[in-house]
Amino acid sequence: TNIHTLGVTIWEICTFGNHPYENIPIQSLVDQLERGERLAQPSICTIDVYMVMIKCWLVDAYSRPSFDELTEIFVHMARDPGRYLVIQV
């Protein structure tokens, strides 16, 4: 669950603090997650960043990336942030 939570935290950062699953009753949320529905792609994220989040939210916890793998991915992305984030001022 730590990796799943990290994926949600990344989503919160990329939405500048939006609340995930806001206004969704817990039972509806459970049903949505069981159907495979996930948080929407934040507008500042490229598909590459969003796919990292999606991998963090895989149902099978053993299929999710490890913290070491995520560190490697984000270190790589940090070398060229303009390629992975679309921030307009």
N, C-alpha and C. Protein backbone atom coordinates (compact mmCIF):
# COMPACT_ATOMS: atom_id res chain seq x y z
N THR A 1 0.82 -1.20 0.00
CA THR A 1 0.00 0.00 0.00
C THR A 1 0.86 1.26 0.00
N ASN A 2 2.10 1.18 0.44
CA ASN A 2 2.95 2.37 0.45
C ASN A 2 3.18 2.90 -0.96
N ILE A 3 3.37 2.00 -1.92
CA ILE A 3 3.59 2.43 -3.30
C ILE A 3 2.32 3.04 -3.86
N HIS A 4 1.17 2.44 -3.55
CA HIS A 4 -0.11 3.00 -4.00
C HIS A 4 -0.28 4.41 -3.45
N THR A 5 0.01 4.58 -2.17
CA THR A 5 -0.11 5.89 -1.53
C THR A 5 0.85 6.89 -2.15
N LEU A 6 2.05 6.46 -2.47
CA LEU A 6 3.01 7.34 -3.12
C LEU A 6 2.47 7.81 -4.47
N GLY A 7 1.84 6.91 -5.22
CA GLY A 7 1.24 7.29 -6.50
C GLY A 7 0.19 8.37 -6.32
N VAL A 8 -0.62 8.25 -5.27
CA VAL A 8 -1.63 9.27 -4.99
C VAL A 8 -0.96 10.58 -4.59
N THR A 9 0.11 10.51 -3.82
CA THR A 9 0.84 11.72 -3.42
C THR A 9 1.43 12.42 -4.63
N ILE A 10 1.97 11.66 -5.56
CA ILE A 10 2.50 12.24 -6.81
C ILE A 10 1.37 12.95 -7.55
N TRP A 11 0.20 12.32 -7.60
CA TRP A 11 -0.97 12.92 -8.25
C TRP A 11 -1.34 14.23 -7.56
N GLU A 12 -1.33 14.24 -6.22
CA GLU A 12 -1.66 15.46 -5.47
C GLU A 12 -0.67 16.58 -5.78
N ILE A 13 0.60 16.25 -5.87
CA ILE A 13 1.62 17.24 -6.20
C ILE A 13 1.37 17.80 -7.60
N CYS A 14 1.10 16.92 -8.54
CA CYS A 14 0.91 17.33 -9.93
C CYS A 14 -0.40 18.07 -10.17
N THR A 15 -1.32 18.01 -9.21
CA THR A 15 -2.56 18.77 -9.33
C THR A 15 -2.54 19.97 -8.38
N PHE A 16 -1.36 20.27 -7.85
CA PHE A 16 -1.17 21.41 -6.95
C PHE A 16 -2.09 21.33 -5.73
N GLY A 17 -2.22 20.12 -5.18
CA GLY A 17 -2.93 19.94 -3.92
C GLY A 17 -4.40 19.58 -4.01
N ASN A 18 -4.88 19.19 -5.18
CA ASN A 18 -6.27 18.73 -5.26
C ASN A 18 -6.46 17.52 -4.36
N HIS A 19 -7.68 17.33 -3.91
CA HIS A 19 -8.01 16.20 -3.04
C HIS A 19 -8.45 15.03 -3.91
N PRO A 20 -7.75 13.90 -3.80
CA PRO A 20 -8.15 12.74 -4.60
C PRO A 20 -9.49 12.19 -4.12
N TYR A 21 -10.28 11.75 -5.06
CA TYR A 21 -11.56 11.10 -4.76
C TYR A 21 -12.49 11.98 -3.94
N GLU A 22 -12.36 13.29 -4.10
CA GLU A 22 -13.19 14.22 -3.34
C GLU A 22 -14.66 14.01 -3.70
N ASN A 23 -15.51 14.05 -2.71
CA ASN A 23 -16.96 13.92 -2.86
C ASN A 23 -17.42 12.55 -3.36
N ILE A 24 -16.58 11.53 -3.22
CA ILE A 24 -16.97 10.18 -3.62
C ILE A 24 -17.14 9.36 -2.34
N PRO A 25 -18.36 8.86 -2.08
CA PRO A 25 -18.56 8.03 -0.89
C PRO A 25 -17.64 6.81 -0.94
N ILE A 26 -17.22 6.34 0.22
CA ILE A 26 -16.22 5.28 0.30
C ILE A 26 -16.66 4.02 -0.46
N GLN A 27 -17.92 3.62 -0.35
CA GLN A 27 -18.35 2.41 -1.06
C GLN A 27 -18.29 2.61 -2.57
N SER A 28 -18.65 3.80 -3.03
CA SER A 28 -18.55 4.09 -4.46
C SER A 28 -17.09 4.06 -4.91
N LEU A 29 -16.22 4.57 -4.06
CA LEU A 29 -14.79 4.57 -4.38
C LEU A 29 -14.27 3.15 -4.50
N VAL A 30 -14.63 2.30 -3.56
CA VAL A 30 -14.20 0.90 -3.61
C VAL A 30 -14.69 0.26 -4.91
N ASP A 31 -15.95 0.49 -5.26
CA ASP A 31 -16.51 -0.07 -6.49
C ASP A 31 -15.74 0.44 -7.72
N GLN A 32 -15.45 1.74 -7.75
CA GLN A 32 -14.72 2.32 -8.89
C GLN A 32 -13.33 1.70 -9.01
N LEU A 33 -12.63 1.57 -7.90
CA LEU A 33 -11.29 1.00 -7.94
C LEU A 33 -11.32 -0.46 -8.37
N GLU A 34 -12.32 -1.19 -7.92
CA GLU A 34 -12.44 -2.60 -8.32
C GLU A 34 -12.72 -2.73 -9.82
N ARG A 35 -13.39 -1.72 -10.40
CA ARG A 35 -13.65 -1.72 -11.84
C ARG A 35 -12.43 -1.24 -12.64
N GLY A 36 -11.39 -0.84 -11.93
CA GLY A 36 -10.17 -0.40 -12.60
C GLY A 36 -10.10 1.09 -12.88
N GLU A 37 -11.06 1.84 -12.38
CA GLU A 37 -11.03 3.29 -12.57
C GLU A 37 -9.96 3.89 -11.67
N ARG A 38 -9.25 4.87 -12.20
CA ARG A 38 -8.18 5.51 -11.44
C ARG A 38 -8.31 7.03 -11.54
N LEU A 39 -7.52 7.73 -10.76
CA LEU A 39 -7.50 9.19 -10.83
C LEU A 39 -7.11 9.62 -12.25
N ALA A 40 -7.66 10.73 -12.68
CA ALA A 40 -7.39 11.23 -14.03
C ALA A 40 -5.97 11.77 -14.15
N GLN A 41 -5.48 11.79 -15.38
CA GLN A 41 -4.14 12.31 -15.65
C GLN A 41 -4.11 13.81 -15.39
N PRO A 42 -3.23 14.28 -14.51
CA PRO A 42 -3.10 15.73 -14.28
C PRO A 42 -2.65 16.43 -15.55
N SER A 43 -3.13 17.64 -15.75
CA SER A 43 -2.85 18.36 -17.00
C SER A 43 -1.38 18.70 -17.19
N ILE A 44 -0.60 18.79 -16.12
CA ILE A 44 0.81 19.15 -16.29
C ILE A 44 1.70 17.94 -16.57
N CYS A 45 1.14 16.74 -16.48
CA CYS A 45 1.94 15.52 -16.64
C CYS A 45 1.87 14.97 -18.05
N THR A 46 3.00 14.56 -18.54
CA THR A 46 3.00 13.81 -19.79
C THR A 46 2.53 12.39 -19.49
N ILE A 47 2.27 11.65 -20.53
CA ILE A 47 1.82 10.27 -20.35
C ILE A 47 2.88 9.44 -19.61
N ASP A 48 4.14 9.80 -19.76
CA ASP A 48 5.22 9.07 -19.07
C ASP A 48 5.06 9.15 -17.55
N VAL A 49 4.80 10.34 -17.05
CA VAL A 49 4.63 10.53 -15.61
C VAL A 49 3.35 9.85 -15.14
N TYR A 50 2.28 10.01 -15.93
CA TYR A 50 1.01 9.39 -15.55
C TYR A 50 1.12 7.87 -15.52
N MET A 51 1.87 7.29 -16.43
CA MET A 51 2.02 5.84 -16.44
C MET A 51 2.77 5.34 -15.19
N VAL A 52 3.66 6.17 -14.66
CA VAL A 52 4.31 5.81 -13.39
C VAL A 52 3.24 5.73 -12.29
N MET A 53 2.34 6.72 -12.27
CA MET A 53 1.26 6.70 -11.28
C MET A 53 0.40 5.45 -11.46
N ILE A 54 0.02 5.16 -12.70
CA ILE A 54 -0.82 4.00 -12.98
C ILE A 54 -0.14 2.72 -12.49
N LYS A 55 1.16 2.60 -12.70
CA LYS A 55 1.89 1.42 -12.23
C LYS A 55 1.86 1.33 -10.70
N CYS A 56 1.88 2.48 -10.04
CA CYS A 56 1.80 2.49 -8.57
C CYS A 56 0.44 2.02 -8.08
N TRP A 57 -0.57 2.15 -8.92
CA TRP A 57 -1.94 1.80 -8.53
C TRP A 57 -2.38 0.42 -9.03
N LEU A 58 -1.45 -0.37 -9.54
CA LEU A 58 -1.83 -1.71 -9.99
C LEU A 58 -2.45 -2.50 -8.84
N VAL A 59 -3.45 -3.29 -9.16
CA VAL A 59 -4.15 -4.07 -8.14
C VAL A 59 -3.19 -5.05 -7.46
N ASP A 60 -2.37 -5.71 -8.24
CA ASP A 60 -1.39 -6.66 -7.69
C ASP A 60 -0.20 -5.88 -7.15
N ALA A 61 -0.09 -5.81 -5.84
CA ALA A 61 0.98 -5.03 -5.21
C ALA A 61 2.36 -5.50 -5.64
N TYR A 62 2.51 -6.77 -5.97
CA TYR A 62 3.82 -7.29 -6.38
C TYR A 62 4.20 -6.85 -7.79
N SER A 63 3.24 -6.34 -8.54
CA SER A 63 3.51 -5.84 -9.89
C SER A 63 3.87 -4.36 -9.89
N ARG A 64 3.68 -3.71 -8.76
CA ARG A 64 4.00 -2.28 -8.66
C ARG A 64 5.51 -2.09 -8.61
N PRO A 65 5.99 -0.92 -9.05
CA PRO A 65 7.43 -0.67 -8.95
C PRO A 65 7.87 -0.55 -7.49
N SER A 66 9.12 -0.87 -7.25
CA SER A 66 9.68 -0.72 -5.91
C SER A 66 10.10 0.73 -5.71
N PHE A 67 10.41 1.09 -4.47
CA PHE A 67 10.91 2.44 -4.21
C PHE A 67 12.21 2.68 -4.97
N ASP A 68 13.06 1.68 -5.04
CA ASP A 68 14.32 1.82 -5.78
C ASP A 68 14.05 2.08 -7.27
N GLU A 69 13.11 1.35 -7.84
CA GLU A 69 12.77 1.56 -9.25
C GLU A 69 12.19 2.95 -9.47
N LEU A 70 11.34 3.40 -8.56
CA LEU A 70 10.76 4.74 -8.69
C LEU A 70 11.83 5.81 -8.55
N THR A 71 12.78 5.61 -7.65
CA THR A 71 13.88 6.55 -7.51
C THR A 71 14.64 6.67 -8.81
N GLU A 72 14.95 5.54 -9.41
CA GLU A 72 15.67 5.53 -10.69
C GLU A 72 14.88 6.26 -11.78
N ILE A 73 13.58 6.00 -11.85
CA ILE A 73 12.73 6.65 -12.85
C ILE A 73 12.72 8.16 -12.66
N PHE A 74 12.51 8.61 -11.42
CA PHE A 74 12.41 10.05 -11.18
C PHE A 74 13.75 10.76 -11.27
N VAL A 75 14.84 10.10 -10.94
CA VAL A 75 16.16 10.70 -11.16
C VAL A 75 16.37 10.93 -12.65
N HIS A 76 15.98 9.95 -13.45
CA HIS A 76 16.09 10.08 -14.91
C HIS A 76 15.22 11.24 -15.40
N MET A 77 13.98 11.32 -14.94
CA MET A 77 13.07 12.39 -15.37
C MET A 77 13.55 13.76 -14.92
N ALA A 78 14.19 13.83 -13.75
CA ALA A 78 14.66 15.11 -13.23
C ALA A 78 15.77 15.72 -14.08
N ARG A 79 16.42 14.89 -14.88
CA ARG A 79 17.49 15.40 -15.75
C ARG A 79 16.93 16.24 -16.90
N ASP A 80 15.65 16.05 -17.23
CA ASP A 80 15.02 16.77 -18.34
C ASP A 80 13.55 17.02 -18.00
N PRO A 81 13.29 17.85 -16.98
CA PRO A 81 11.91 18.01 -16.51
C PRO A 81 10.95 18.56 -17.56
N GLY A 82 11.43 19.36 -18.47
CA GLY A 82 10.57 19.90 -19.52
C GLY A 82 9.99 18.84 -20.43
N ARG A 83 10.62 17.71 -20.46
CA ARG A 83 10.13 16.59 -21.28
C ARG A 83 8.98 15.85 -20.59
N TYR A 84 8.86 16.00 -19.28
CA TYR A 84 7.89 15.21 -18.52
C TYR A 84 6.79 16.04 -17.87
N LEU A 85 7.00 17.33 -17.70
CA LEU A 85 6.00 18.20 -17.10
C LEU A 85 5.73 19.38 -18.02
N VAL A 86 4.47 19.75 -18.13
CA VAL A 86 4.07 20.85 -19.00
C VAL A 86 3.49 21.94 -18.09
N ILE A 87 4.34 22.87 -17.69
CA ILE A 87 3.91 23.94 -16.79
C ILE A 87 3.92 25.25 -17.57
N GLN A 88 2.73 25.85 -17.66
CA GLN A 88 2.62 27.12 -18.37
C GLN A 88 2.43 28.24 -17.36
N VAL A 89 3.18 29.30 -17.55
CA VAL A 89 3.12 30.43 -16.62
C VAL A 89 2.28 31.53 -17.21
